[in-house]
Every structure is written in C-alpha cells, then in structure tokens.
Amino acid sequence: MSRTLYRNGAIYSTHDPFATALLVDGATVAWLGSEEAADGMAGGDVTVVDLAGALVTPGLYDSAFAVPGDPGDAVDASALGAAATAAGCVAITLRAAAGTGFDAVAPVRALAAEAENPASGLPEARVWAAGTLREPRDAEELHDAVGPHLAGVEAAPDDRDDAAALTAHLIAATRAGLSTGWAVGAAAELDAVRAALPAAAAEGAPLRTAGVHLAVSVDLDAEDRSVLARHGVTVLVTPSAGTPLRTPLAGLAADGVPLVLGSAAWDGAGGDPVSPWALVRACVQHPDPAQRLSSRAAFLALSRGGWRAAHAAHPLLGQLVPGAPASCAVWEATELMVQTPDSTVAAWSTDPRARTPLLPALDTGSDPRCLRTLREGLVVHDDGTLQTVPQGS
C-alpha cells in the first residue's frame, strides 16, 4: 500500500481545523495534523508532496451533472470524467434531460459501470432516468434498461401539477428502492407536492428511506417547509449563471431540510465548464439576504450533503477525518476565510476559538483552481503543479 504525505498547506477538516498536513495510506485518510507532527512521518516509504499553501478539501459530489449531448447520443466517458475530476468531483449523479423518456440514459449505462472502479480515473457515477412511473412494472422495466447503477427517476414535466400522477410515481419509485424527484417551479406544482407527499406516505411509500429530491424555485411558507422536512425531502439546488436563485435556502436549512448542489442548470460563458465555487457563491450571494447560506453550509451541500442524499455506504464520505476514504481535492486559492451571511456571527466564526475550518474567499475575482483530485487514494486529476519533495530534503 502506498503512503503519501501532503504537507505545508491547509486541510479543511472539522476534526482538526488547524491541520496543515494529511497522510493518505492506500485508499484511506490515515492522519492529519501539524507540520511539526508531519516531520516524524516523512521518510521511509512515504512520498511527500509539498502543497505550497494549497487547500485540501473533501472531494465534491455534484448531485445534478447533466448528461452531455443530445438524448441517445454516445457519451465520451473520458471527456466527461476529465471535466468532472478537474472540478474536484469524486462523484456525480448523471441526470437525463427532463421529458426524454427512460431510454435516454442508455448511453451512460456503460459509463456508470466503468466508473465503479476508482482506477478508471472516472468519478463515481449514479444515474437518474426521466419519466413518470405509473405502476410497479414500470420500475422493473427501468431497472432492466439501466442496470444496477440506476439510483433515481424524475417525474415527467407534464405530470408535475397532477397530484394523483405524482402520488402513483412516488409509490412506484420508492417501493422499488429508487430515489425520485422533480422540479417545482410553479404554484400548481407546489400544490401537487402538498397533496402527493402525504398521500404517498399514507399508502406506506418509504419516502424517507428511498429519498425524494425536489428542485424548488417557488416561495415556501412555514407549513410547506414542515411538509418537506416531515417526509424527509432533500432540496436540490441548481444555480444558473444568468438567473438569480429563488430557492429559500436559509429557511429550508433552518427547518432541517437537507440541501444538495448540482451544476446541470449552469451555462457558463462560451460553454466553459462551471466552477464548483460559482455554485457555492450563488448560495452565499442569494438575492434575498435573508435566504443566504454561509460558504460552509453551501460547501457541505456540494460535498458531504451529496453523499448523505445518495445513501452512501461509508459514513465518513465527504469528510477528511482519520478512517475516511481518501477522496479529496487540492485547490490553489488566493485567500482563505470564514464567509457568513450574517455579520453578527462573523466575528465569533472567524475567532480561532470557534475552530471553524477555512474555505476560499469567493469575492477575489478568480475562483480556486483544482490542482489534484484523489478518489479513494488514486490520483484521477493532476495539473502538474504539485511537486514531490525529494527524500532527505
């Protein structure tokens, strides 16, 4: 088993917010701590990498990664994987375009199977199909078409204001062990959600166990948020480059509704891939100041929150703590700080006694650049910046 010591940087970890070094042993985070302690670990069979001030964070989970190209087109696995890992992603949920039908995910079936092996260089991939399930038989056919990497199914746009159709869809999907969800962007669609969730629950649908993910972009009152929390709904947030967020982020978080972030709606200038930090910044700079998240909360939605919503088998995924899978990203950032939406708590959060780990400042005019991405200890992206320290140096 290879061992690599990353040192002389900053490690984003609640286990040790002041850590500057991290030891990867095979596929696992073995240790993190200070430079002084790291001195005793260098040497022997340990490869030492100089972070040169770079930040190491948990690897990212993009919970809505759009399937590239037109529905049914072949997918270039290497290009997709390179784009995701260069953005620090170690896992993605591939979502077929809404309204394309069950067969639109067929091209990603082989990709998801290949990505199961970390040595593939691809991020771990889960697949969501698009189409409303009418009865349990539909779920069986969908499983047969996509295979074991099918994780969820999104209700068709034409059914999103039909409470009866959504109730049947929720029951069929969740009883088959599939997560489900859809976009809620109109008052009639919210009314349908209000009716369908309790109706499906009353029929014994395992909503909380299977998972319901709603992309909400309408105003929610306290009762709406309570309904979502009561039924274990996760809200998927997909910021768009040119459209202000409408999702009431802070209100949902305050009521215990989990949030996850995805890039599927982002369309950057010139078709450039989205920076994950642009997604975080959209949450921190929500147009309604009352609904802004801290950068830490938004980052959680793009890392550990994604693993939780995907029902990850390993409880420590999305964290940098001893014993966790060594799935992480290394970032070149010009400035680190604690960024909060509320100036009344900023002073304590930035006080060293608060032990709040630091994240990149998001108002510098340039987003952090991913230098390296590890998936279970294997390098799946490297831009050549990081240098190995010669033995004896």
Protein backbone atom coordinates (compact mmCIF):
# COMPACT_ATOMS: atom_id res chain seq x y z
CA MET A 1 0.00 0.00 0.00
CA SER A 2 1.40 3.41 -0.98
CA ARG A 3 1.56 6.22 1.55
CA THR A 4 1.61 9.90 0.60
CA LEU A 5 2.06 12.82 2.98
CA TYR A 6 0.61 16.13 1.82
CA ARG A 7 2.08 18.97 3.86
CA ASN A 8 2.66 22.73 4.03
CA GLY A 9 -0.91 23.63 3.19
CA ALA A 10 -4.35 23.93 4.77
CA ILE A 11 -6.67 20.98 5.42
CA TYR A 12 -10.42 21.56 5.52
CA SER A 13 -11.49 19.37 8.42
CA THR A 14 -13.69 19.77 11.46
CA HIS A 15 -11.56 17.06 13.10
CA ASP A 16 -8.58 19.45 13.20
CA PRO A 17 -9.35 22.90 11.73
CA PHE A 18 -5.71 23.94 12.14
CA ALA A 19 -4.22 20.95 10.31
CA THR A 20 -1.63 21.70 7.62
CA ALA A 21 -0.72 18.13 6.67
CA LEU A 22 -2.57 14.96 5.72
CA LEU A 23 -1.36 11.37 5.33
CA VAL A 24 -3.02 9.10 2.77
CA ASP A 25 -2.41 5.39 3.32
CA GLY A 26 -3.71 3.42 0.34
CA ALA A 27 -7.36 4.36 -0.07
CA THR A 28 -7.75 5.89 3.40
CA VAL A 29 -7.04 9.09 5.28
CA ALA A 30 -4.67 7.83 7.98
CA TRP A 31 -3.83 11.05 9.82
CA LEU A 32 -3.99 14.84 9.70
CA GLY A 33 -2.26 17.38 11.89
CA SER A 34 0.52 19.95 12.22
CA GLU A 35 3.79 20.45 10.37
CA GLU A 36 5.72 19.55 13.50
CA ALA A 37 3.99 16.19 13.73
CA ALA A 38 4.40 15.64 10.00
CA ASP A 39 8.18 15.82 10.38
CA GLY A 40 8.11 12.48 12.13
CA MET A 41 6.14 10.82 9.34
CA ALA A 42 8.35 11.81 6.42
CA GLY A 43 10.96 9.34 5.21
CA GLY A 44 10.97 5.64 4.57
CA ASP A 45 8.31 4.59 2.08
CA VAL A 46 6.31 7.81 2.44
CA THR A 47 6.06 10.05 -0.63
CA VAL A 48 5.97 13.70 0.45
CA VAL A 49 4.06 16.26 -1.62
CA ASP A 50 4.54 19.99 -0.99
CA LEU A 51 1.16 21.70 -1.02
CA ALA A 52 2.89 25.11 -1.15
CA GLY A 53 -0.03 26.69 0.70
CA ALA A 54 -2.77 24.94 -1.25
CA LEU A 55 -6.07 23.91 0.37
CA VAL A 56 -7.18 20.28 0.63
CA THR A 57 -10.93 19.70 0.88
CA PRO A 58 -13.14 16.64 0.72
CA GLY A 59 -13.85 15.66 -2.87
CA LEU A 60 -17.04 17.14 -4.28
CA TYR A 61 -20.33 15.44 -5.10
CA ASP A 62 -22.20 17.09 -7.98
CA SER A 63 -25.80 16.00 -7.41
CA ALA A 64 -27.03 17.09 -10.84
CA PHE A 65 -24.48 16.56 -13.56
CA ALA A 66 -26.20 16.86 -16.93
CA VAL A 67 -25.73 14.02 -19.41
CA PRO A 68 -23.79 15.74 -22.23
CA GLY A 69 -25.02 15.87 -25.82
CA ASP A 70 -28.43 15.09 -27.23
CA PRO A 71 -30.58 12.32 -25.71
CA GLY A 72 -29.46 8.96 -27.02
CA ASP A 73 -26.04 10.17 -28.16
CA ALA A 74 -22.96 8.20 -27.24
CA VAL A 75 -21.16 9.63 -24.20
CA ASP A 76 -17.40 10.22 -24.21
CA ALA A 77 -16.57 8.75 -20.82
CA SER A 78 -13.02 10.07 -20.71
CA ALA A 79 -14.06 13.64 -21.56
CA LEU A 80 -16.90 13.58 -19.05
CA GLY A 81 -14.65 12.16 -16.37
CA ALA A 82 -11.90 14.67 -17.07
CA ALA A 83 -14.34 17.59 -16.81
CA ALA A 84 -15.75 16.33 -13.52
CA THR A 85 -12.49 15.44 -11.81
CA ALA A 86 -10.86 18.70 -12.96
CA ALA A 87 -13.62 20.42 -11.00
CA GLY A 88 -12.73 18.43 -7.87
CA CYS A 89 -15.62 15.99 -8.20
CA VAL A 90 -15.16 12.44 -7.00
CA ALA A 91 -18.81 11.51 -7.53
CA ILE A 92 -21.63 12.70 -9.75
CA THR A 93 -25.28 11.99 -10.29
CA LEU A 94 -25.97 11.90 -14.01
CA ARG A 95 -29.44 13.16 -14.81
CA ALA A 96 -31.13 12.62 -18.14
CA ALA A 97 -32.87 15.68 -19.58
CA ALA A 98 -36.44 16.04 -18.32
CA GLY A 99 -39.03 14.70 -20.73
CA THR A 100 -36.63 12.49 -22.70
CA GLY A 101 -38.02 9.18 -21.50
CA PHE A 102 -36.45 6.13 -19.92
CA ASP A 103 -34.22 5.21 -22.88
CA ALA A 104 -32.25 8.48 -22.73
CA VAL A 105 -29.94 7.11 -20.02
CA ALA A 106 -28.90 4.04 -22.02
CA PRO A 107 -25.64 5.69 -23.25
CA VAL A 108 -24.43 6.26 -19.68
CA ARG A 109 -25.04 2.69 -18.57
CA ALA A 110 -21.57 1.55 -19.64
CA LEU A 111 -20.01 4.72 -18.25
CA ALA A 112 -21.50 4.12 -14.82
CA ALA A 113 -20.31 0.52 -14.84
CA GLU A 114 -16.78 1.57 -15.82
CA ALA A 115 -16.75 4.29 -13.15
CA GLU A 116 -17.41 1.72 -10.44
CA ASN A 117 -13.64 1.07 -10.36
CA PRO A 118 -11.66 4.03 -8.96
CA ALA A 119 -8.73 3.01 -11.18
CA SER A 120 -10.83 4.02 -14.20
CA GLY A 121 -9.96 7.65 -13.50
CA LEU A 122 -13.66 8.50 -13.54
CA PRO A 123 -15.75 9.89 -10.71
CA GLU A 124 -18.21 7.50 -9.11
CA ALA A 125 -21.44 7.80 -11.09
CA ARG A 126 -25.08 7.30 -10.20
CA VAL A 127 -27.78 7.51 -12.86
CA TRP A 128 -31.20 9.14 -12.81
CA ALA A 129 -33.69 8.42 -15.57
CA ALA A 130 -36.50 10.73 -16.67
CA GLY A 131 -40.14 9.69 -16.89
CA THR A 132 -43.15 9.17 -14.66
CA LEU A 133 -43.72 5.71 -13.22
CA ARG A 134 -47.37 4.68 -13.34
CA GLU A 135 -47.12 1.28 -11.66
CA PRO A 136 -44.52 -1.07 -10.15
CA ARG A 137 -43.97 -2.79 -13.50
CA ASP A 138 -42.55 0.46 -14.89
CA ALA A 139 -39.84 0.41 -12.23
CA GLU A 140 -38.91 -3.16 -13.11
CA GLU A 141 -38.58 -2.27 -16.81
CA LEU A 142 -36.45 0.74 -15.94
CA HIS A 143 -34.12 -1.36 -13.81
CA ASP A 144 -33.74 -3.81 -16.70
CA ALA A 145 -32.91 -0.96 -19.12
CA VAL A 146 -30.36 0.88 -16.99
CA GLY A 147 -28.90 -1.76 -14.72
CA PRO A 148 -27.58 -1.71 -11.15
CA HIS A 149 -26.35 1.90 -11.28
CA LEU A 150 -29.87 3.28 -11.57
CA ALA A 151 -30.38 5.45 -8.49
CA GLY A 152 -33.47 7.50 -9.23
CA VAL A 153 -36.16 8.61 -11.65
CA GLU A 154 -37.52 12.08 -12.27
CA ALA A 155 -41.22 12.67 -12.90
CA ALA A 156 -42.09 13.99 -16.37
CA PRO A 157 -42.80 17.74 -16.71
CA ASP A 158 -46.38 17.18 -17.88
CA ASP A 159 -47.22 15.37 -14.64
CA ARG A 160 -45.77 17.82 -12.14
CA ASP A 161 -49.07 19.56 -11.44
CA ASP A 162 -51.01 16.29 -11.25
CA ALA A 163 -51.20 15.17 -7.62
CA ALA A 164 -52.62 11.74 -8.49
CA ALA A 165 -49.87 11.02 -11.03
CA LEU A 166 -47.18 12.18 -8.62
CA THR A 167 -48.61 10.06 -5.81
CA ALA A 168 -48.51 6.95 -8.02
CA HIS A 169 -44.98 7.85 -9.13
CA LEU A 170 -43.76 8.29 -5.55
CA ILE A 171 -45.24 4.96 -4.52
CA ALA A 172 -43.88 3.01 -7.51
CA ALA A 173 -40.39 4.52 -7.37
CA THR A 174 -39.76 4.38 -3.64
CA ARG A 175 -41.16 0.86 -3.24
CA ALA A 176 -38.68 -0.20 -5.92
CA GLY A 177 -35.88 1.34 -3.86
CA LEU A 178 -35.39 4.29 -6.22
CA SER A 179 -34.98 7.90 -5.24
CA THR A 180 -37.30 10.25 -7.06
CA GLY A 181 -37.98 13.92 -7.52
CA TRP A 182 -38.70 16.71 -9.96
CA ALA A 183 -38.57 20.46 -10.38
CA VAL A 184 -41.16 22.58 -8.58
CA GLY A 185 -41.34 25.97 -10.23
CA ALA A 186 -44.99 26.99 -10.25
CA ALA A 187 -47.81 27.39 -7.74
CA ALA A 188 -49.79 24.50 -9.25
CA GLU A 189 -46.74 22.23 -8.97
CA LEU A 190 -46.32 23.18 -5.32
CA ASP A 191 -49.99 22.39 -4.69
CA ALA A 192 -49.42 18.95 -6.22
CA VAL A 193 -46.44 18.35 -3.92
CA ARG A 194 -48.51 19.36 -0.89
CA ALA A 195 -51.06 16.69 -1.80
CA ALA A 196 -48.82 13.93 -3.19
CA LEU A 197 -46.28 13.60 -0.37
CA PRO A 198 -48.77 12.88 2.44
CA ALA A 199 -50.91 10.75 0.13
CA ALA A 200 -47.97 8.53 -0.82
CA ALA A 201 -46.85 8.33 2.80
CA ALA A 202 -50.34 7.25 3.83
CA GLU A 203 -50.04 4.35 1.36
CA GLY A 204 -46.84 3.23 3.06
CA ALA A 205 -44.39 4.55 0.45
CA PRO A 206 -40.88 4.62 2.03
CA LEU A 207 -40.23 8.24 1.08
CA ARG A 208 -37.57 8.95 3.66
CA THR A 209 -35.72 5.67 3.12
CA ALA A 210 -35.61 5.86 -0.69
CA GLY A 211 -35.21 9.62 -0.89
CA VAL A 212 -37.22 12.40 -2.52
CA HIS A 213 -35.26 15.23 -4.16
CA LEU A 214 -37.15 18.35 -5.22
CA ALA A 215 -35.64 21.31 -7.10
CA VAL A 216 -37.73 24.09 -5.57
CA SER A 217 -37.78 27.58 -7.08
CA VAL A 218 -41.01 28.93 -5.59
CA ASP A 219 -41.78 30.66 -2.31
CA LEU A 220 -42.43 28.30 0.59
CA ASP A 221 -44.23 29.14 3.80
CA ALA A 222 -43.53 27.55 7.17
CA GLU A 223 -46.08 24.79 6.59
CA ASP A 224 -44.56 23.92 3.21
CA ARG A 225 -41.12 23.62 4.75
CA SER A 226 -42.57 21.50 7.54
CA VAL A 227 -44.15 19.12 5.00
CA LEU A 228 -40.81 18.70 3.22
CA ALA A 229 -38.96 18.08 6.47
CA ARG A 230 -41.60 15.67 7.75
CA HIS A 231 -41.31 13.47 4.66
CA GLY A 232 -37.52 13.53 4.50
CA VAL A 233 -37.31 15.56 1.30
CA THR A 234 -33.92 16.80 0.11
CA VAL A 235 -33.92 20.03 -1.91
CA LEU A 236 -31.68 20.04 -4.98
CA VAL A 237 -30.23 23.47 -5.75
CA THR A 238 -29.05 24.03 -9.34
CA PRO A 239 -27.88 27.64 -9.74
CA SER A 240 -27.90 29.15 -13.21
CA ALA A 241 -25.27 31.59 -14.48
CA GLY A 242 -27.81 34.18 -15.59
CA THR A 243 -30.77 33.62 -13.28
CA PRO A 244 -30.91 34.65 -9.61
CA LEU A 245 -31.68 31.86 -7.17
CA ARG A 246 -35.24 31.69 -5.89
CA THR A 247 -34.88 28.67 -3.61
CA PRO A 248 -35.39 29.80 0.02
CA LEU A 249 -32.11 28.29 1.18
CA ALA A 250 -31.77 29.62 4.72
CA GLY A 251 -35.40 28.93 5.55
CA LEU A 252 -35.10 25.33 4.40
CA ALA A 253 -31.85 24.79 6.26
CA ALA A 254 -33.29 26.29 9.44
CA ASP A 255 -36.19 23.82 9.28
CA GLY A 256 -33.89 20.85 8.86
CA VAL A 257 -34.41 20.24 5.13
CA PRO A 258 -31.15 18.92 3.62
CA LEU A 259 -29.72 20.76 0.62
CA VAL A 260 -27.56 19.42 -2.21
CA LEU A 261 -25.93 21.28 -5.10
CA GLY A 262 -25.68 20.42 -8.79
CA SER A 263 -24.35 22.03 -11.94
CA ALA A 264 -26.87 20.85 -14.54
CA ALA A 265 -28.55 24.25 -14.96
CA TRP A 266 -25.33 26.22 -15.28
CA ASP A 267 -24.42 27.53 -18.73
CA GLY A 268 -21.18 29.47 -18.48
CA ALA A 269 -19.87 31.98 -20.98
CA GLY A 270 -18.52 30.33 -24.10
CA GLY A 271 -19.68 26.93 -22.88
CA ASP A 272 -16.94 26.78 -20.27
CA PRO A 273 -17.49 24.19 -17.52
CA VAL A 274 -18.90 25.57 -14.31
CA SER A 275 -16.60 26.20 -11.39
CA PRO A 276 -17.96 24.44 -8.31
CA TRP A 277 -17.13 27.58 -6.35
CA ALA A 278 -19.55 29.52 -8.55
CA LEU A 279 -22.30 27.24 -7.22
CA VAL A 280 -21.20 27.93 -3.64
CA ARG A 281 -21.02 31.66 -4.34
CA ALA A 282 -24.56 31.68 -5.75
CA CYS A 283 -25.80 30.38 -2.39
CA VAL A 284 -23.70 32.83 -0.37
CA GLN A 285 -24.87 35.74 -2.54
CA HIS A 286 -28.57 34.79 -2.76
CA PRO A 287 -30.52 37.86 -3.97
CA ASP A 288 -32.60 37.74 -0.79
CA PRO A 289 -30.19 38.47 2.08
CA ALA A 290 -32.47 36.57 4.47
CA GLN A 291 -32.01 33.39 2.43
CA ARG A 292 -28.21 33.41 2.11
CA LEU A 293 -26.11 30.50 3.32
CA SER A 294 -22.65 30.59 4.81
CA SER A 295 -19.93 29.30 2.50
CA ARG A 296 -19.51 26.37 4.87
CA ALA A 297 -23.19 25.38 4.58
CA ALA A 298 -23.10 25.71 0.80
CA PHE A 299 -19.90 23.68 0.59
CA LEU A 300 -21.50 20.98 2.73
CA ALA A 301 -24.30 20.76 0.16
CA LEU A 302 -21.65 20.15 -2.52
CA SER A 303 -19.73 17.53 -0.56
CA ARG A 304 -20.95 15.58 2.44
CA GLY A 305 -24.58 16.50 1.77
CA GLY A 306 -24.46 14.84 -1.63
CA TRP A 307 -23.17 11.59 -0.17
CA ARG A 308 -25.86 11.60 2.50
CA ALA A 309 -28.62 12.18 -0.04
CA ALA A 310 -27.21 9.35 -2.17
CA HIS A 311 -27.27 7.00 0.85
CA ALA A 312 -23.52 6.37 0.63
CA ALA A 313 -22.38 3.13 2.20
CA HIS A 314 -19.40 4.65 4.03
CA PRO A 315 -20.49 7.06 6.78
CA LEU A 316 -17.32 9.19 6.54
CA LEU A 317 -17.51 10.03 2.83
CA GLY A 318 -17.37 13.77 2.28
CA GLN A 319 -15.15 14.36 5.30
CA LEU A 320 -11.41 14.49 5.93
CA VAL A 321 -11.02 12.58 9.16
CA PRO A 322 -8.92 9.52 10.06
CA GLY A 323 -10.54 6.41 8.64
CA ALA A 324 -12.40 8.22 5.86
CA PRO A 325 -11.92 7.28 2.22
CA ALA A 326 -9.09 9.39 0.75
CA SER A 327 -11.33 11.15 -1.76
CA CYS A 328 -10.28 14.77 -1.81
CA ALA A 329 -9.37 17.78 -3.94
CA VAL A 330 -6.41 20.16 -3.74
CA TRP A 331 -7.07 23.81 -4.59
CA GLU A 332 -4.94 26.81 -5.36
CA ALA A 333 -6.71 29.67 -3.57
CA THR A 334 -5.52 33.24 -3.15
CA GLU A 335 -7.19 33.74 0.24
CA LEU A 336 -8.89 31.61 2.89
CA MET A 337 -11.56 32.85 5.24
CA VAL A 338 -14.82 32.12 7.04
CA GLN A 339 -17.64 33.65 4.99
CA THR A 340 -21.01 34.00 6.69
CA PRO A 341 -24.25 35.64 5.57
CA ASP A 342 -24.73 37.32 8.95
CA SER A 343 -22.26 39.90 10.25
CA THR A 344 -23.45 39.28 13.83
CA VAL A 345 -21.91 35.81 13.83
CA ALA A 346 -18.91 36.51 11.63
CA ALA A 347 -16.74 37.78 14.46
CA TRP A 348 -17.09 34.59 16.51
CA SER A 349 -16.85 32.30 13.48
CA THR A 350 -13.53 33.84 12.50
CA ASP A 351 -12.15 33.74 16.03
CA PRO A 352 -9.66 30.83 16.31
CA ARG A 353 -11.51 29.60 19.40
CA ALA A 354 -14.52 28.79 17.20
CA ARG A 355 -12.39 26.12 15.45
CA THR A 356 -14.13 26.84 12.14
CA PRO A 357 -12.18 25.45 9.16
CA LEU A 358 -11.38 27.91 6.39
CA LEU A 359 -12.63 27.95 2.80
CA PRO A 360 -11.56 30.06 -0.18
CA ALA A 361 -12.70 33.68 -0.28
CA LEU A 362 -15.32 33.94 -3.03
CA ASP A 363 -15.05 37.66 -3.76
CA THR A 364 -11.49 37.83 -5.11
CA GLY A 365 -12.45 37.88 -8.79
CA SER A 366 -11.00 34.45 -9.54
CA ASP A 367 -12.18 31.05 -8.39
CA PRO A 368 -9.82 28.45 -6.89
CA ARG A 369 -8.16 26.12 -9.38
CA CYS A 370 -8.17 22.38 -8.80
CA LEU A 371 -4.59 21.10 -8.79
CA ARG A 372 -5.26 17.46 -7.97
CA THR A 373 -8.20 15.17 -7.27
CA LEU A 374 -7.97 11.85 -5.42
CA ARG A 375 -10.61 9.17 -5.46
CA GLU A 376 -10.02 6.57 -2.77
CA GLY A 377 -6.33 7.45 -2.75
CA LEU A 378 -5.87 7.26 -6.53
CA VAL A 379 -4.99 10.39 -8.49
CA VAL A 380 -7.78 10.96 -11.04
CA HIS A 381 -6.79 14.53 -11.94
CA ASP A 382 -3.47 16.33 -11.75
CA ASP A 383 -2.46 19.54 -13.50
CA GLY A 384 1.26 19.12 -12.80
CA THR A 385 1.59 21.93 -10.26
CA LEU A 386 2.21 19.93 -7.09
CA GLN A 387 5.79 18.83 -6.53
CA THR A 388 7.11 15.75 -4.78
CA VAL A 389 9.75 16.53 -2.14
CA PRO A 390 12.97 14.53 -2.71
CA GLN A 391 13.89 12.11 0.07
CA GLY A 392 16.18 13.72 2.65
CA SER A 393 15.11 17.29 1.89
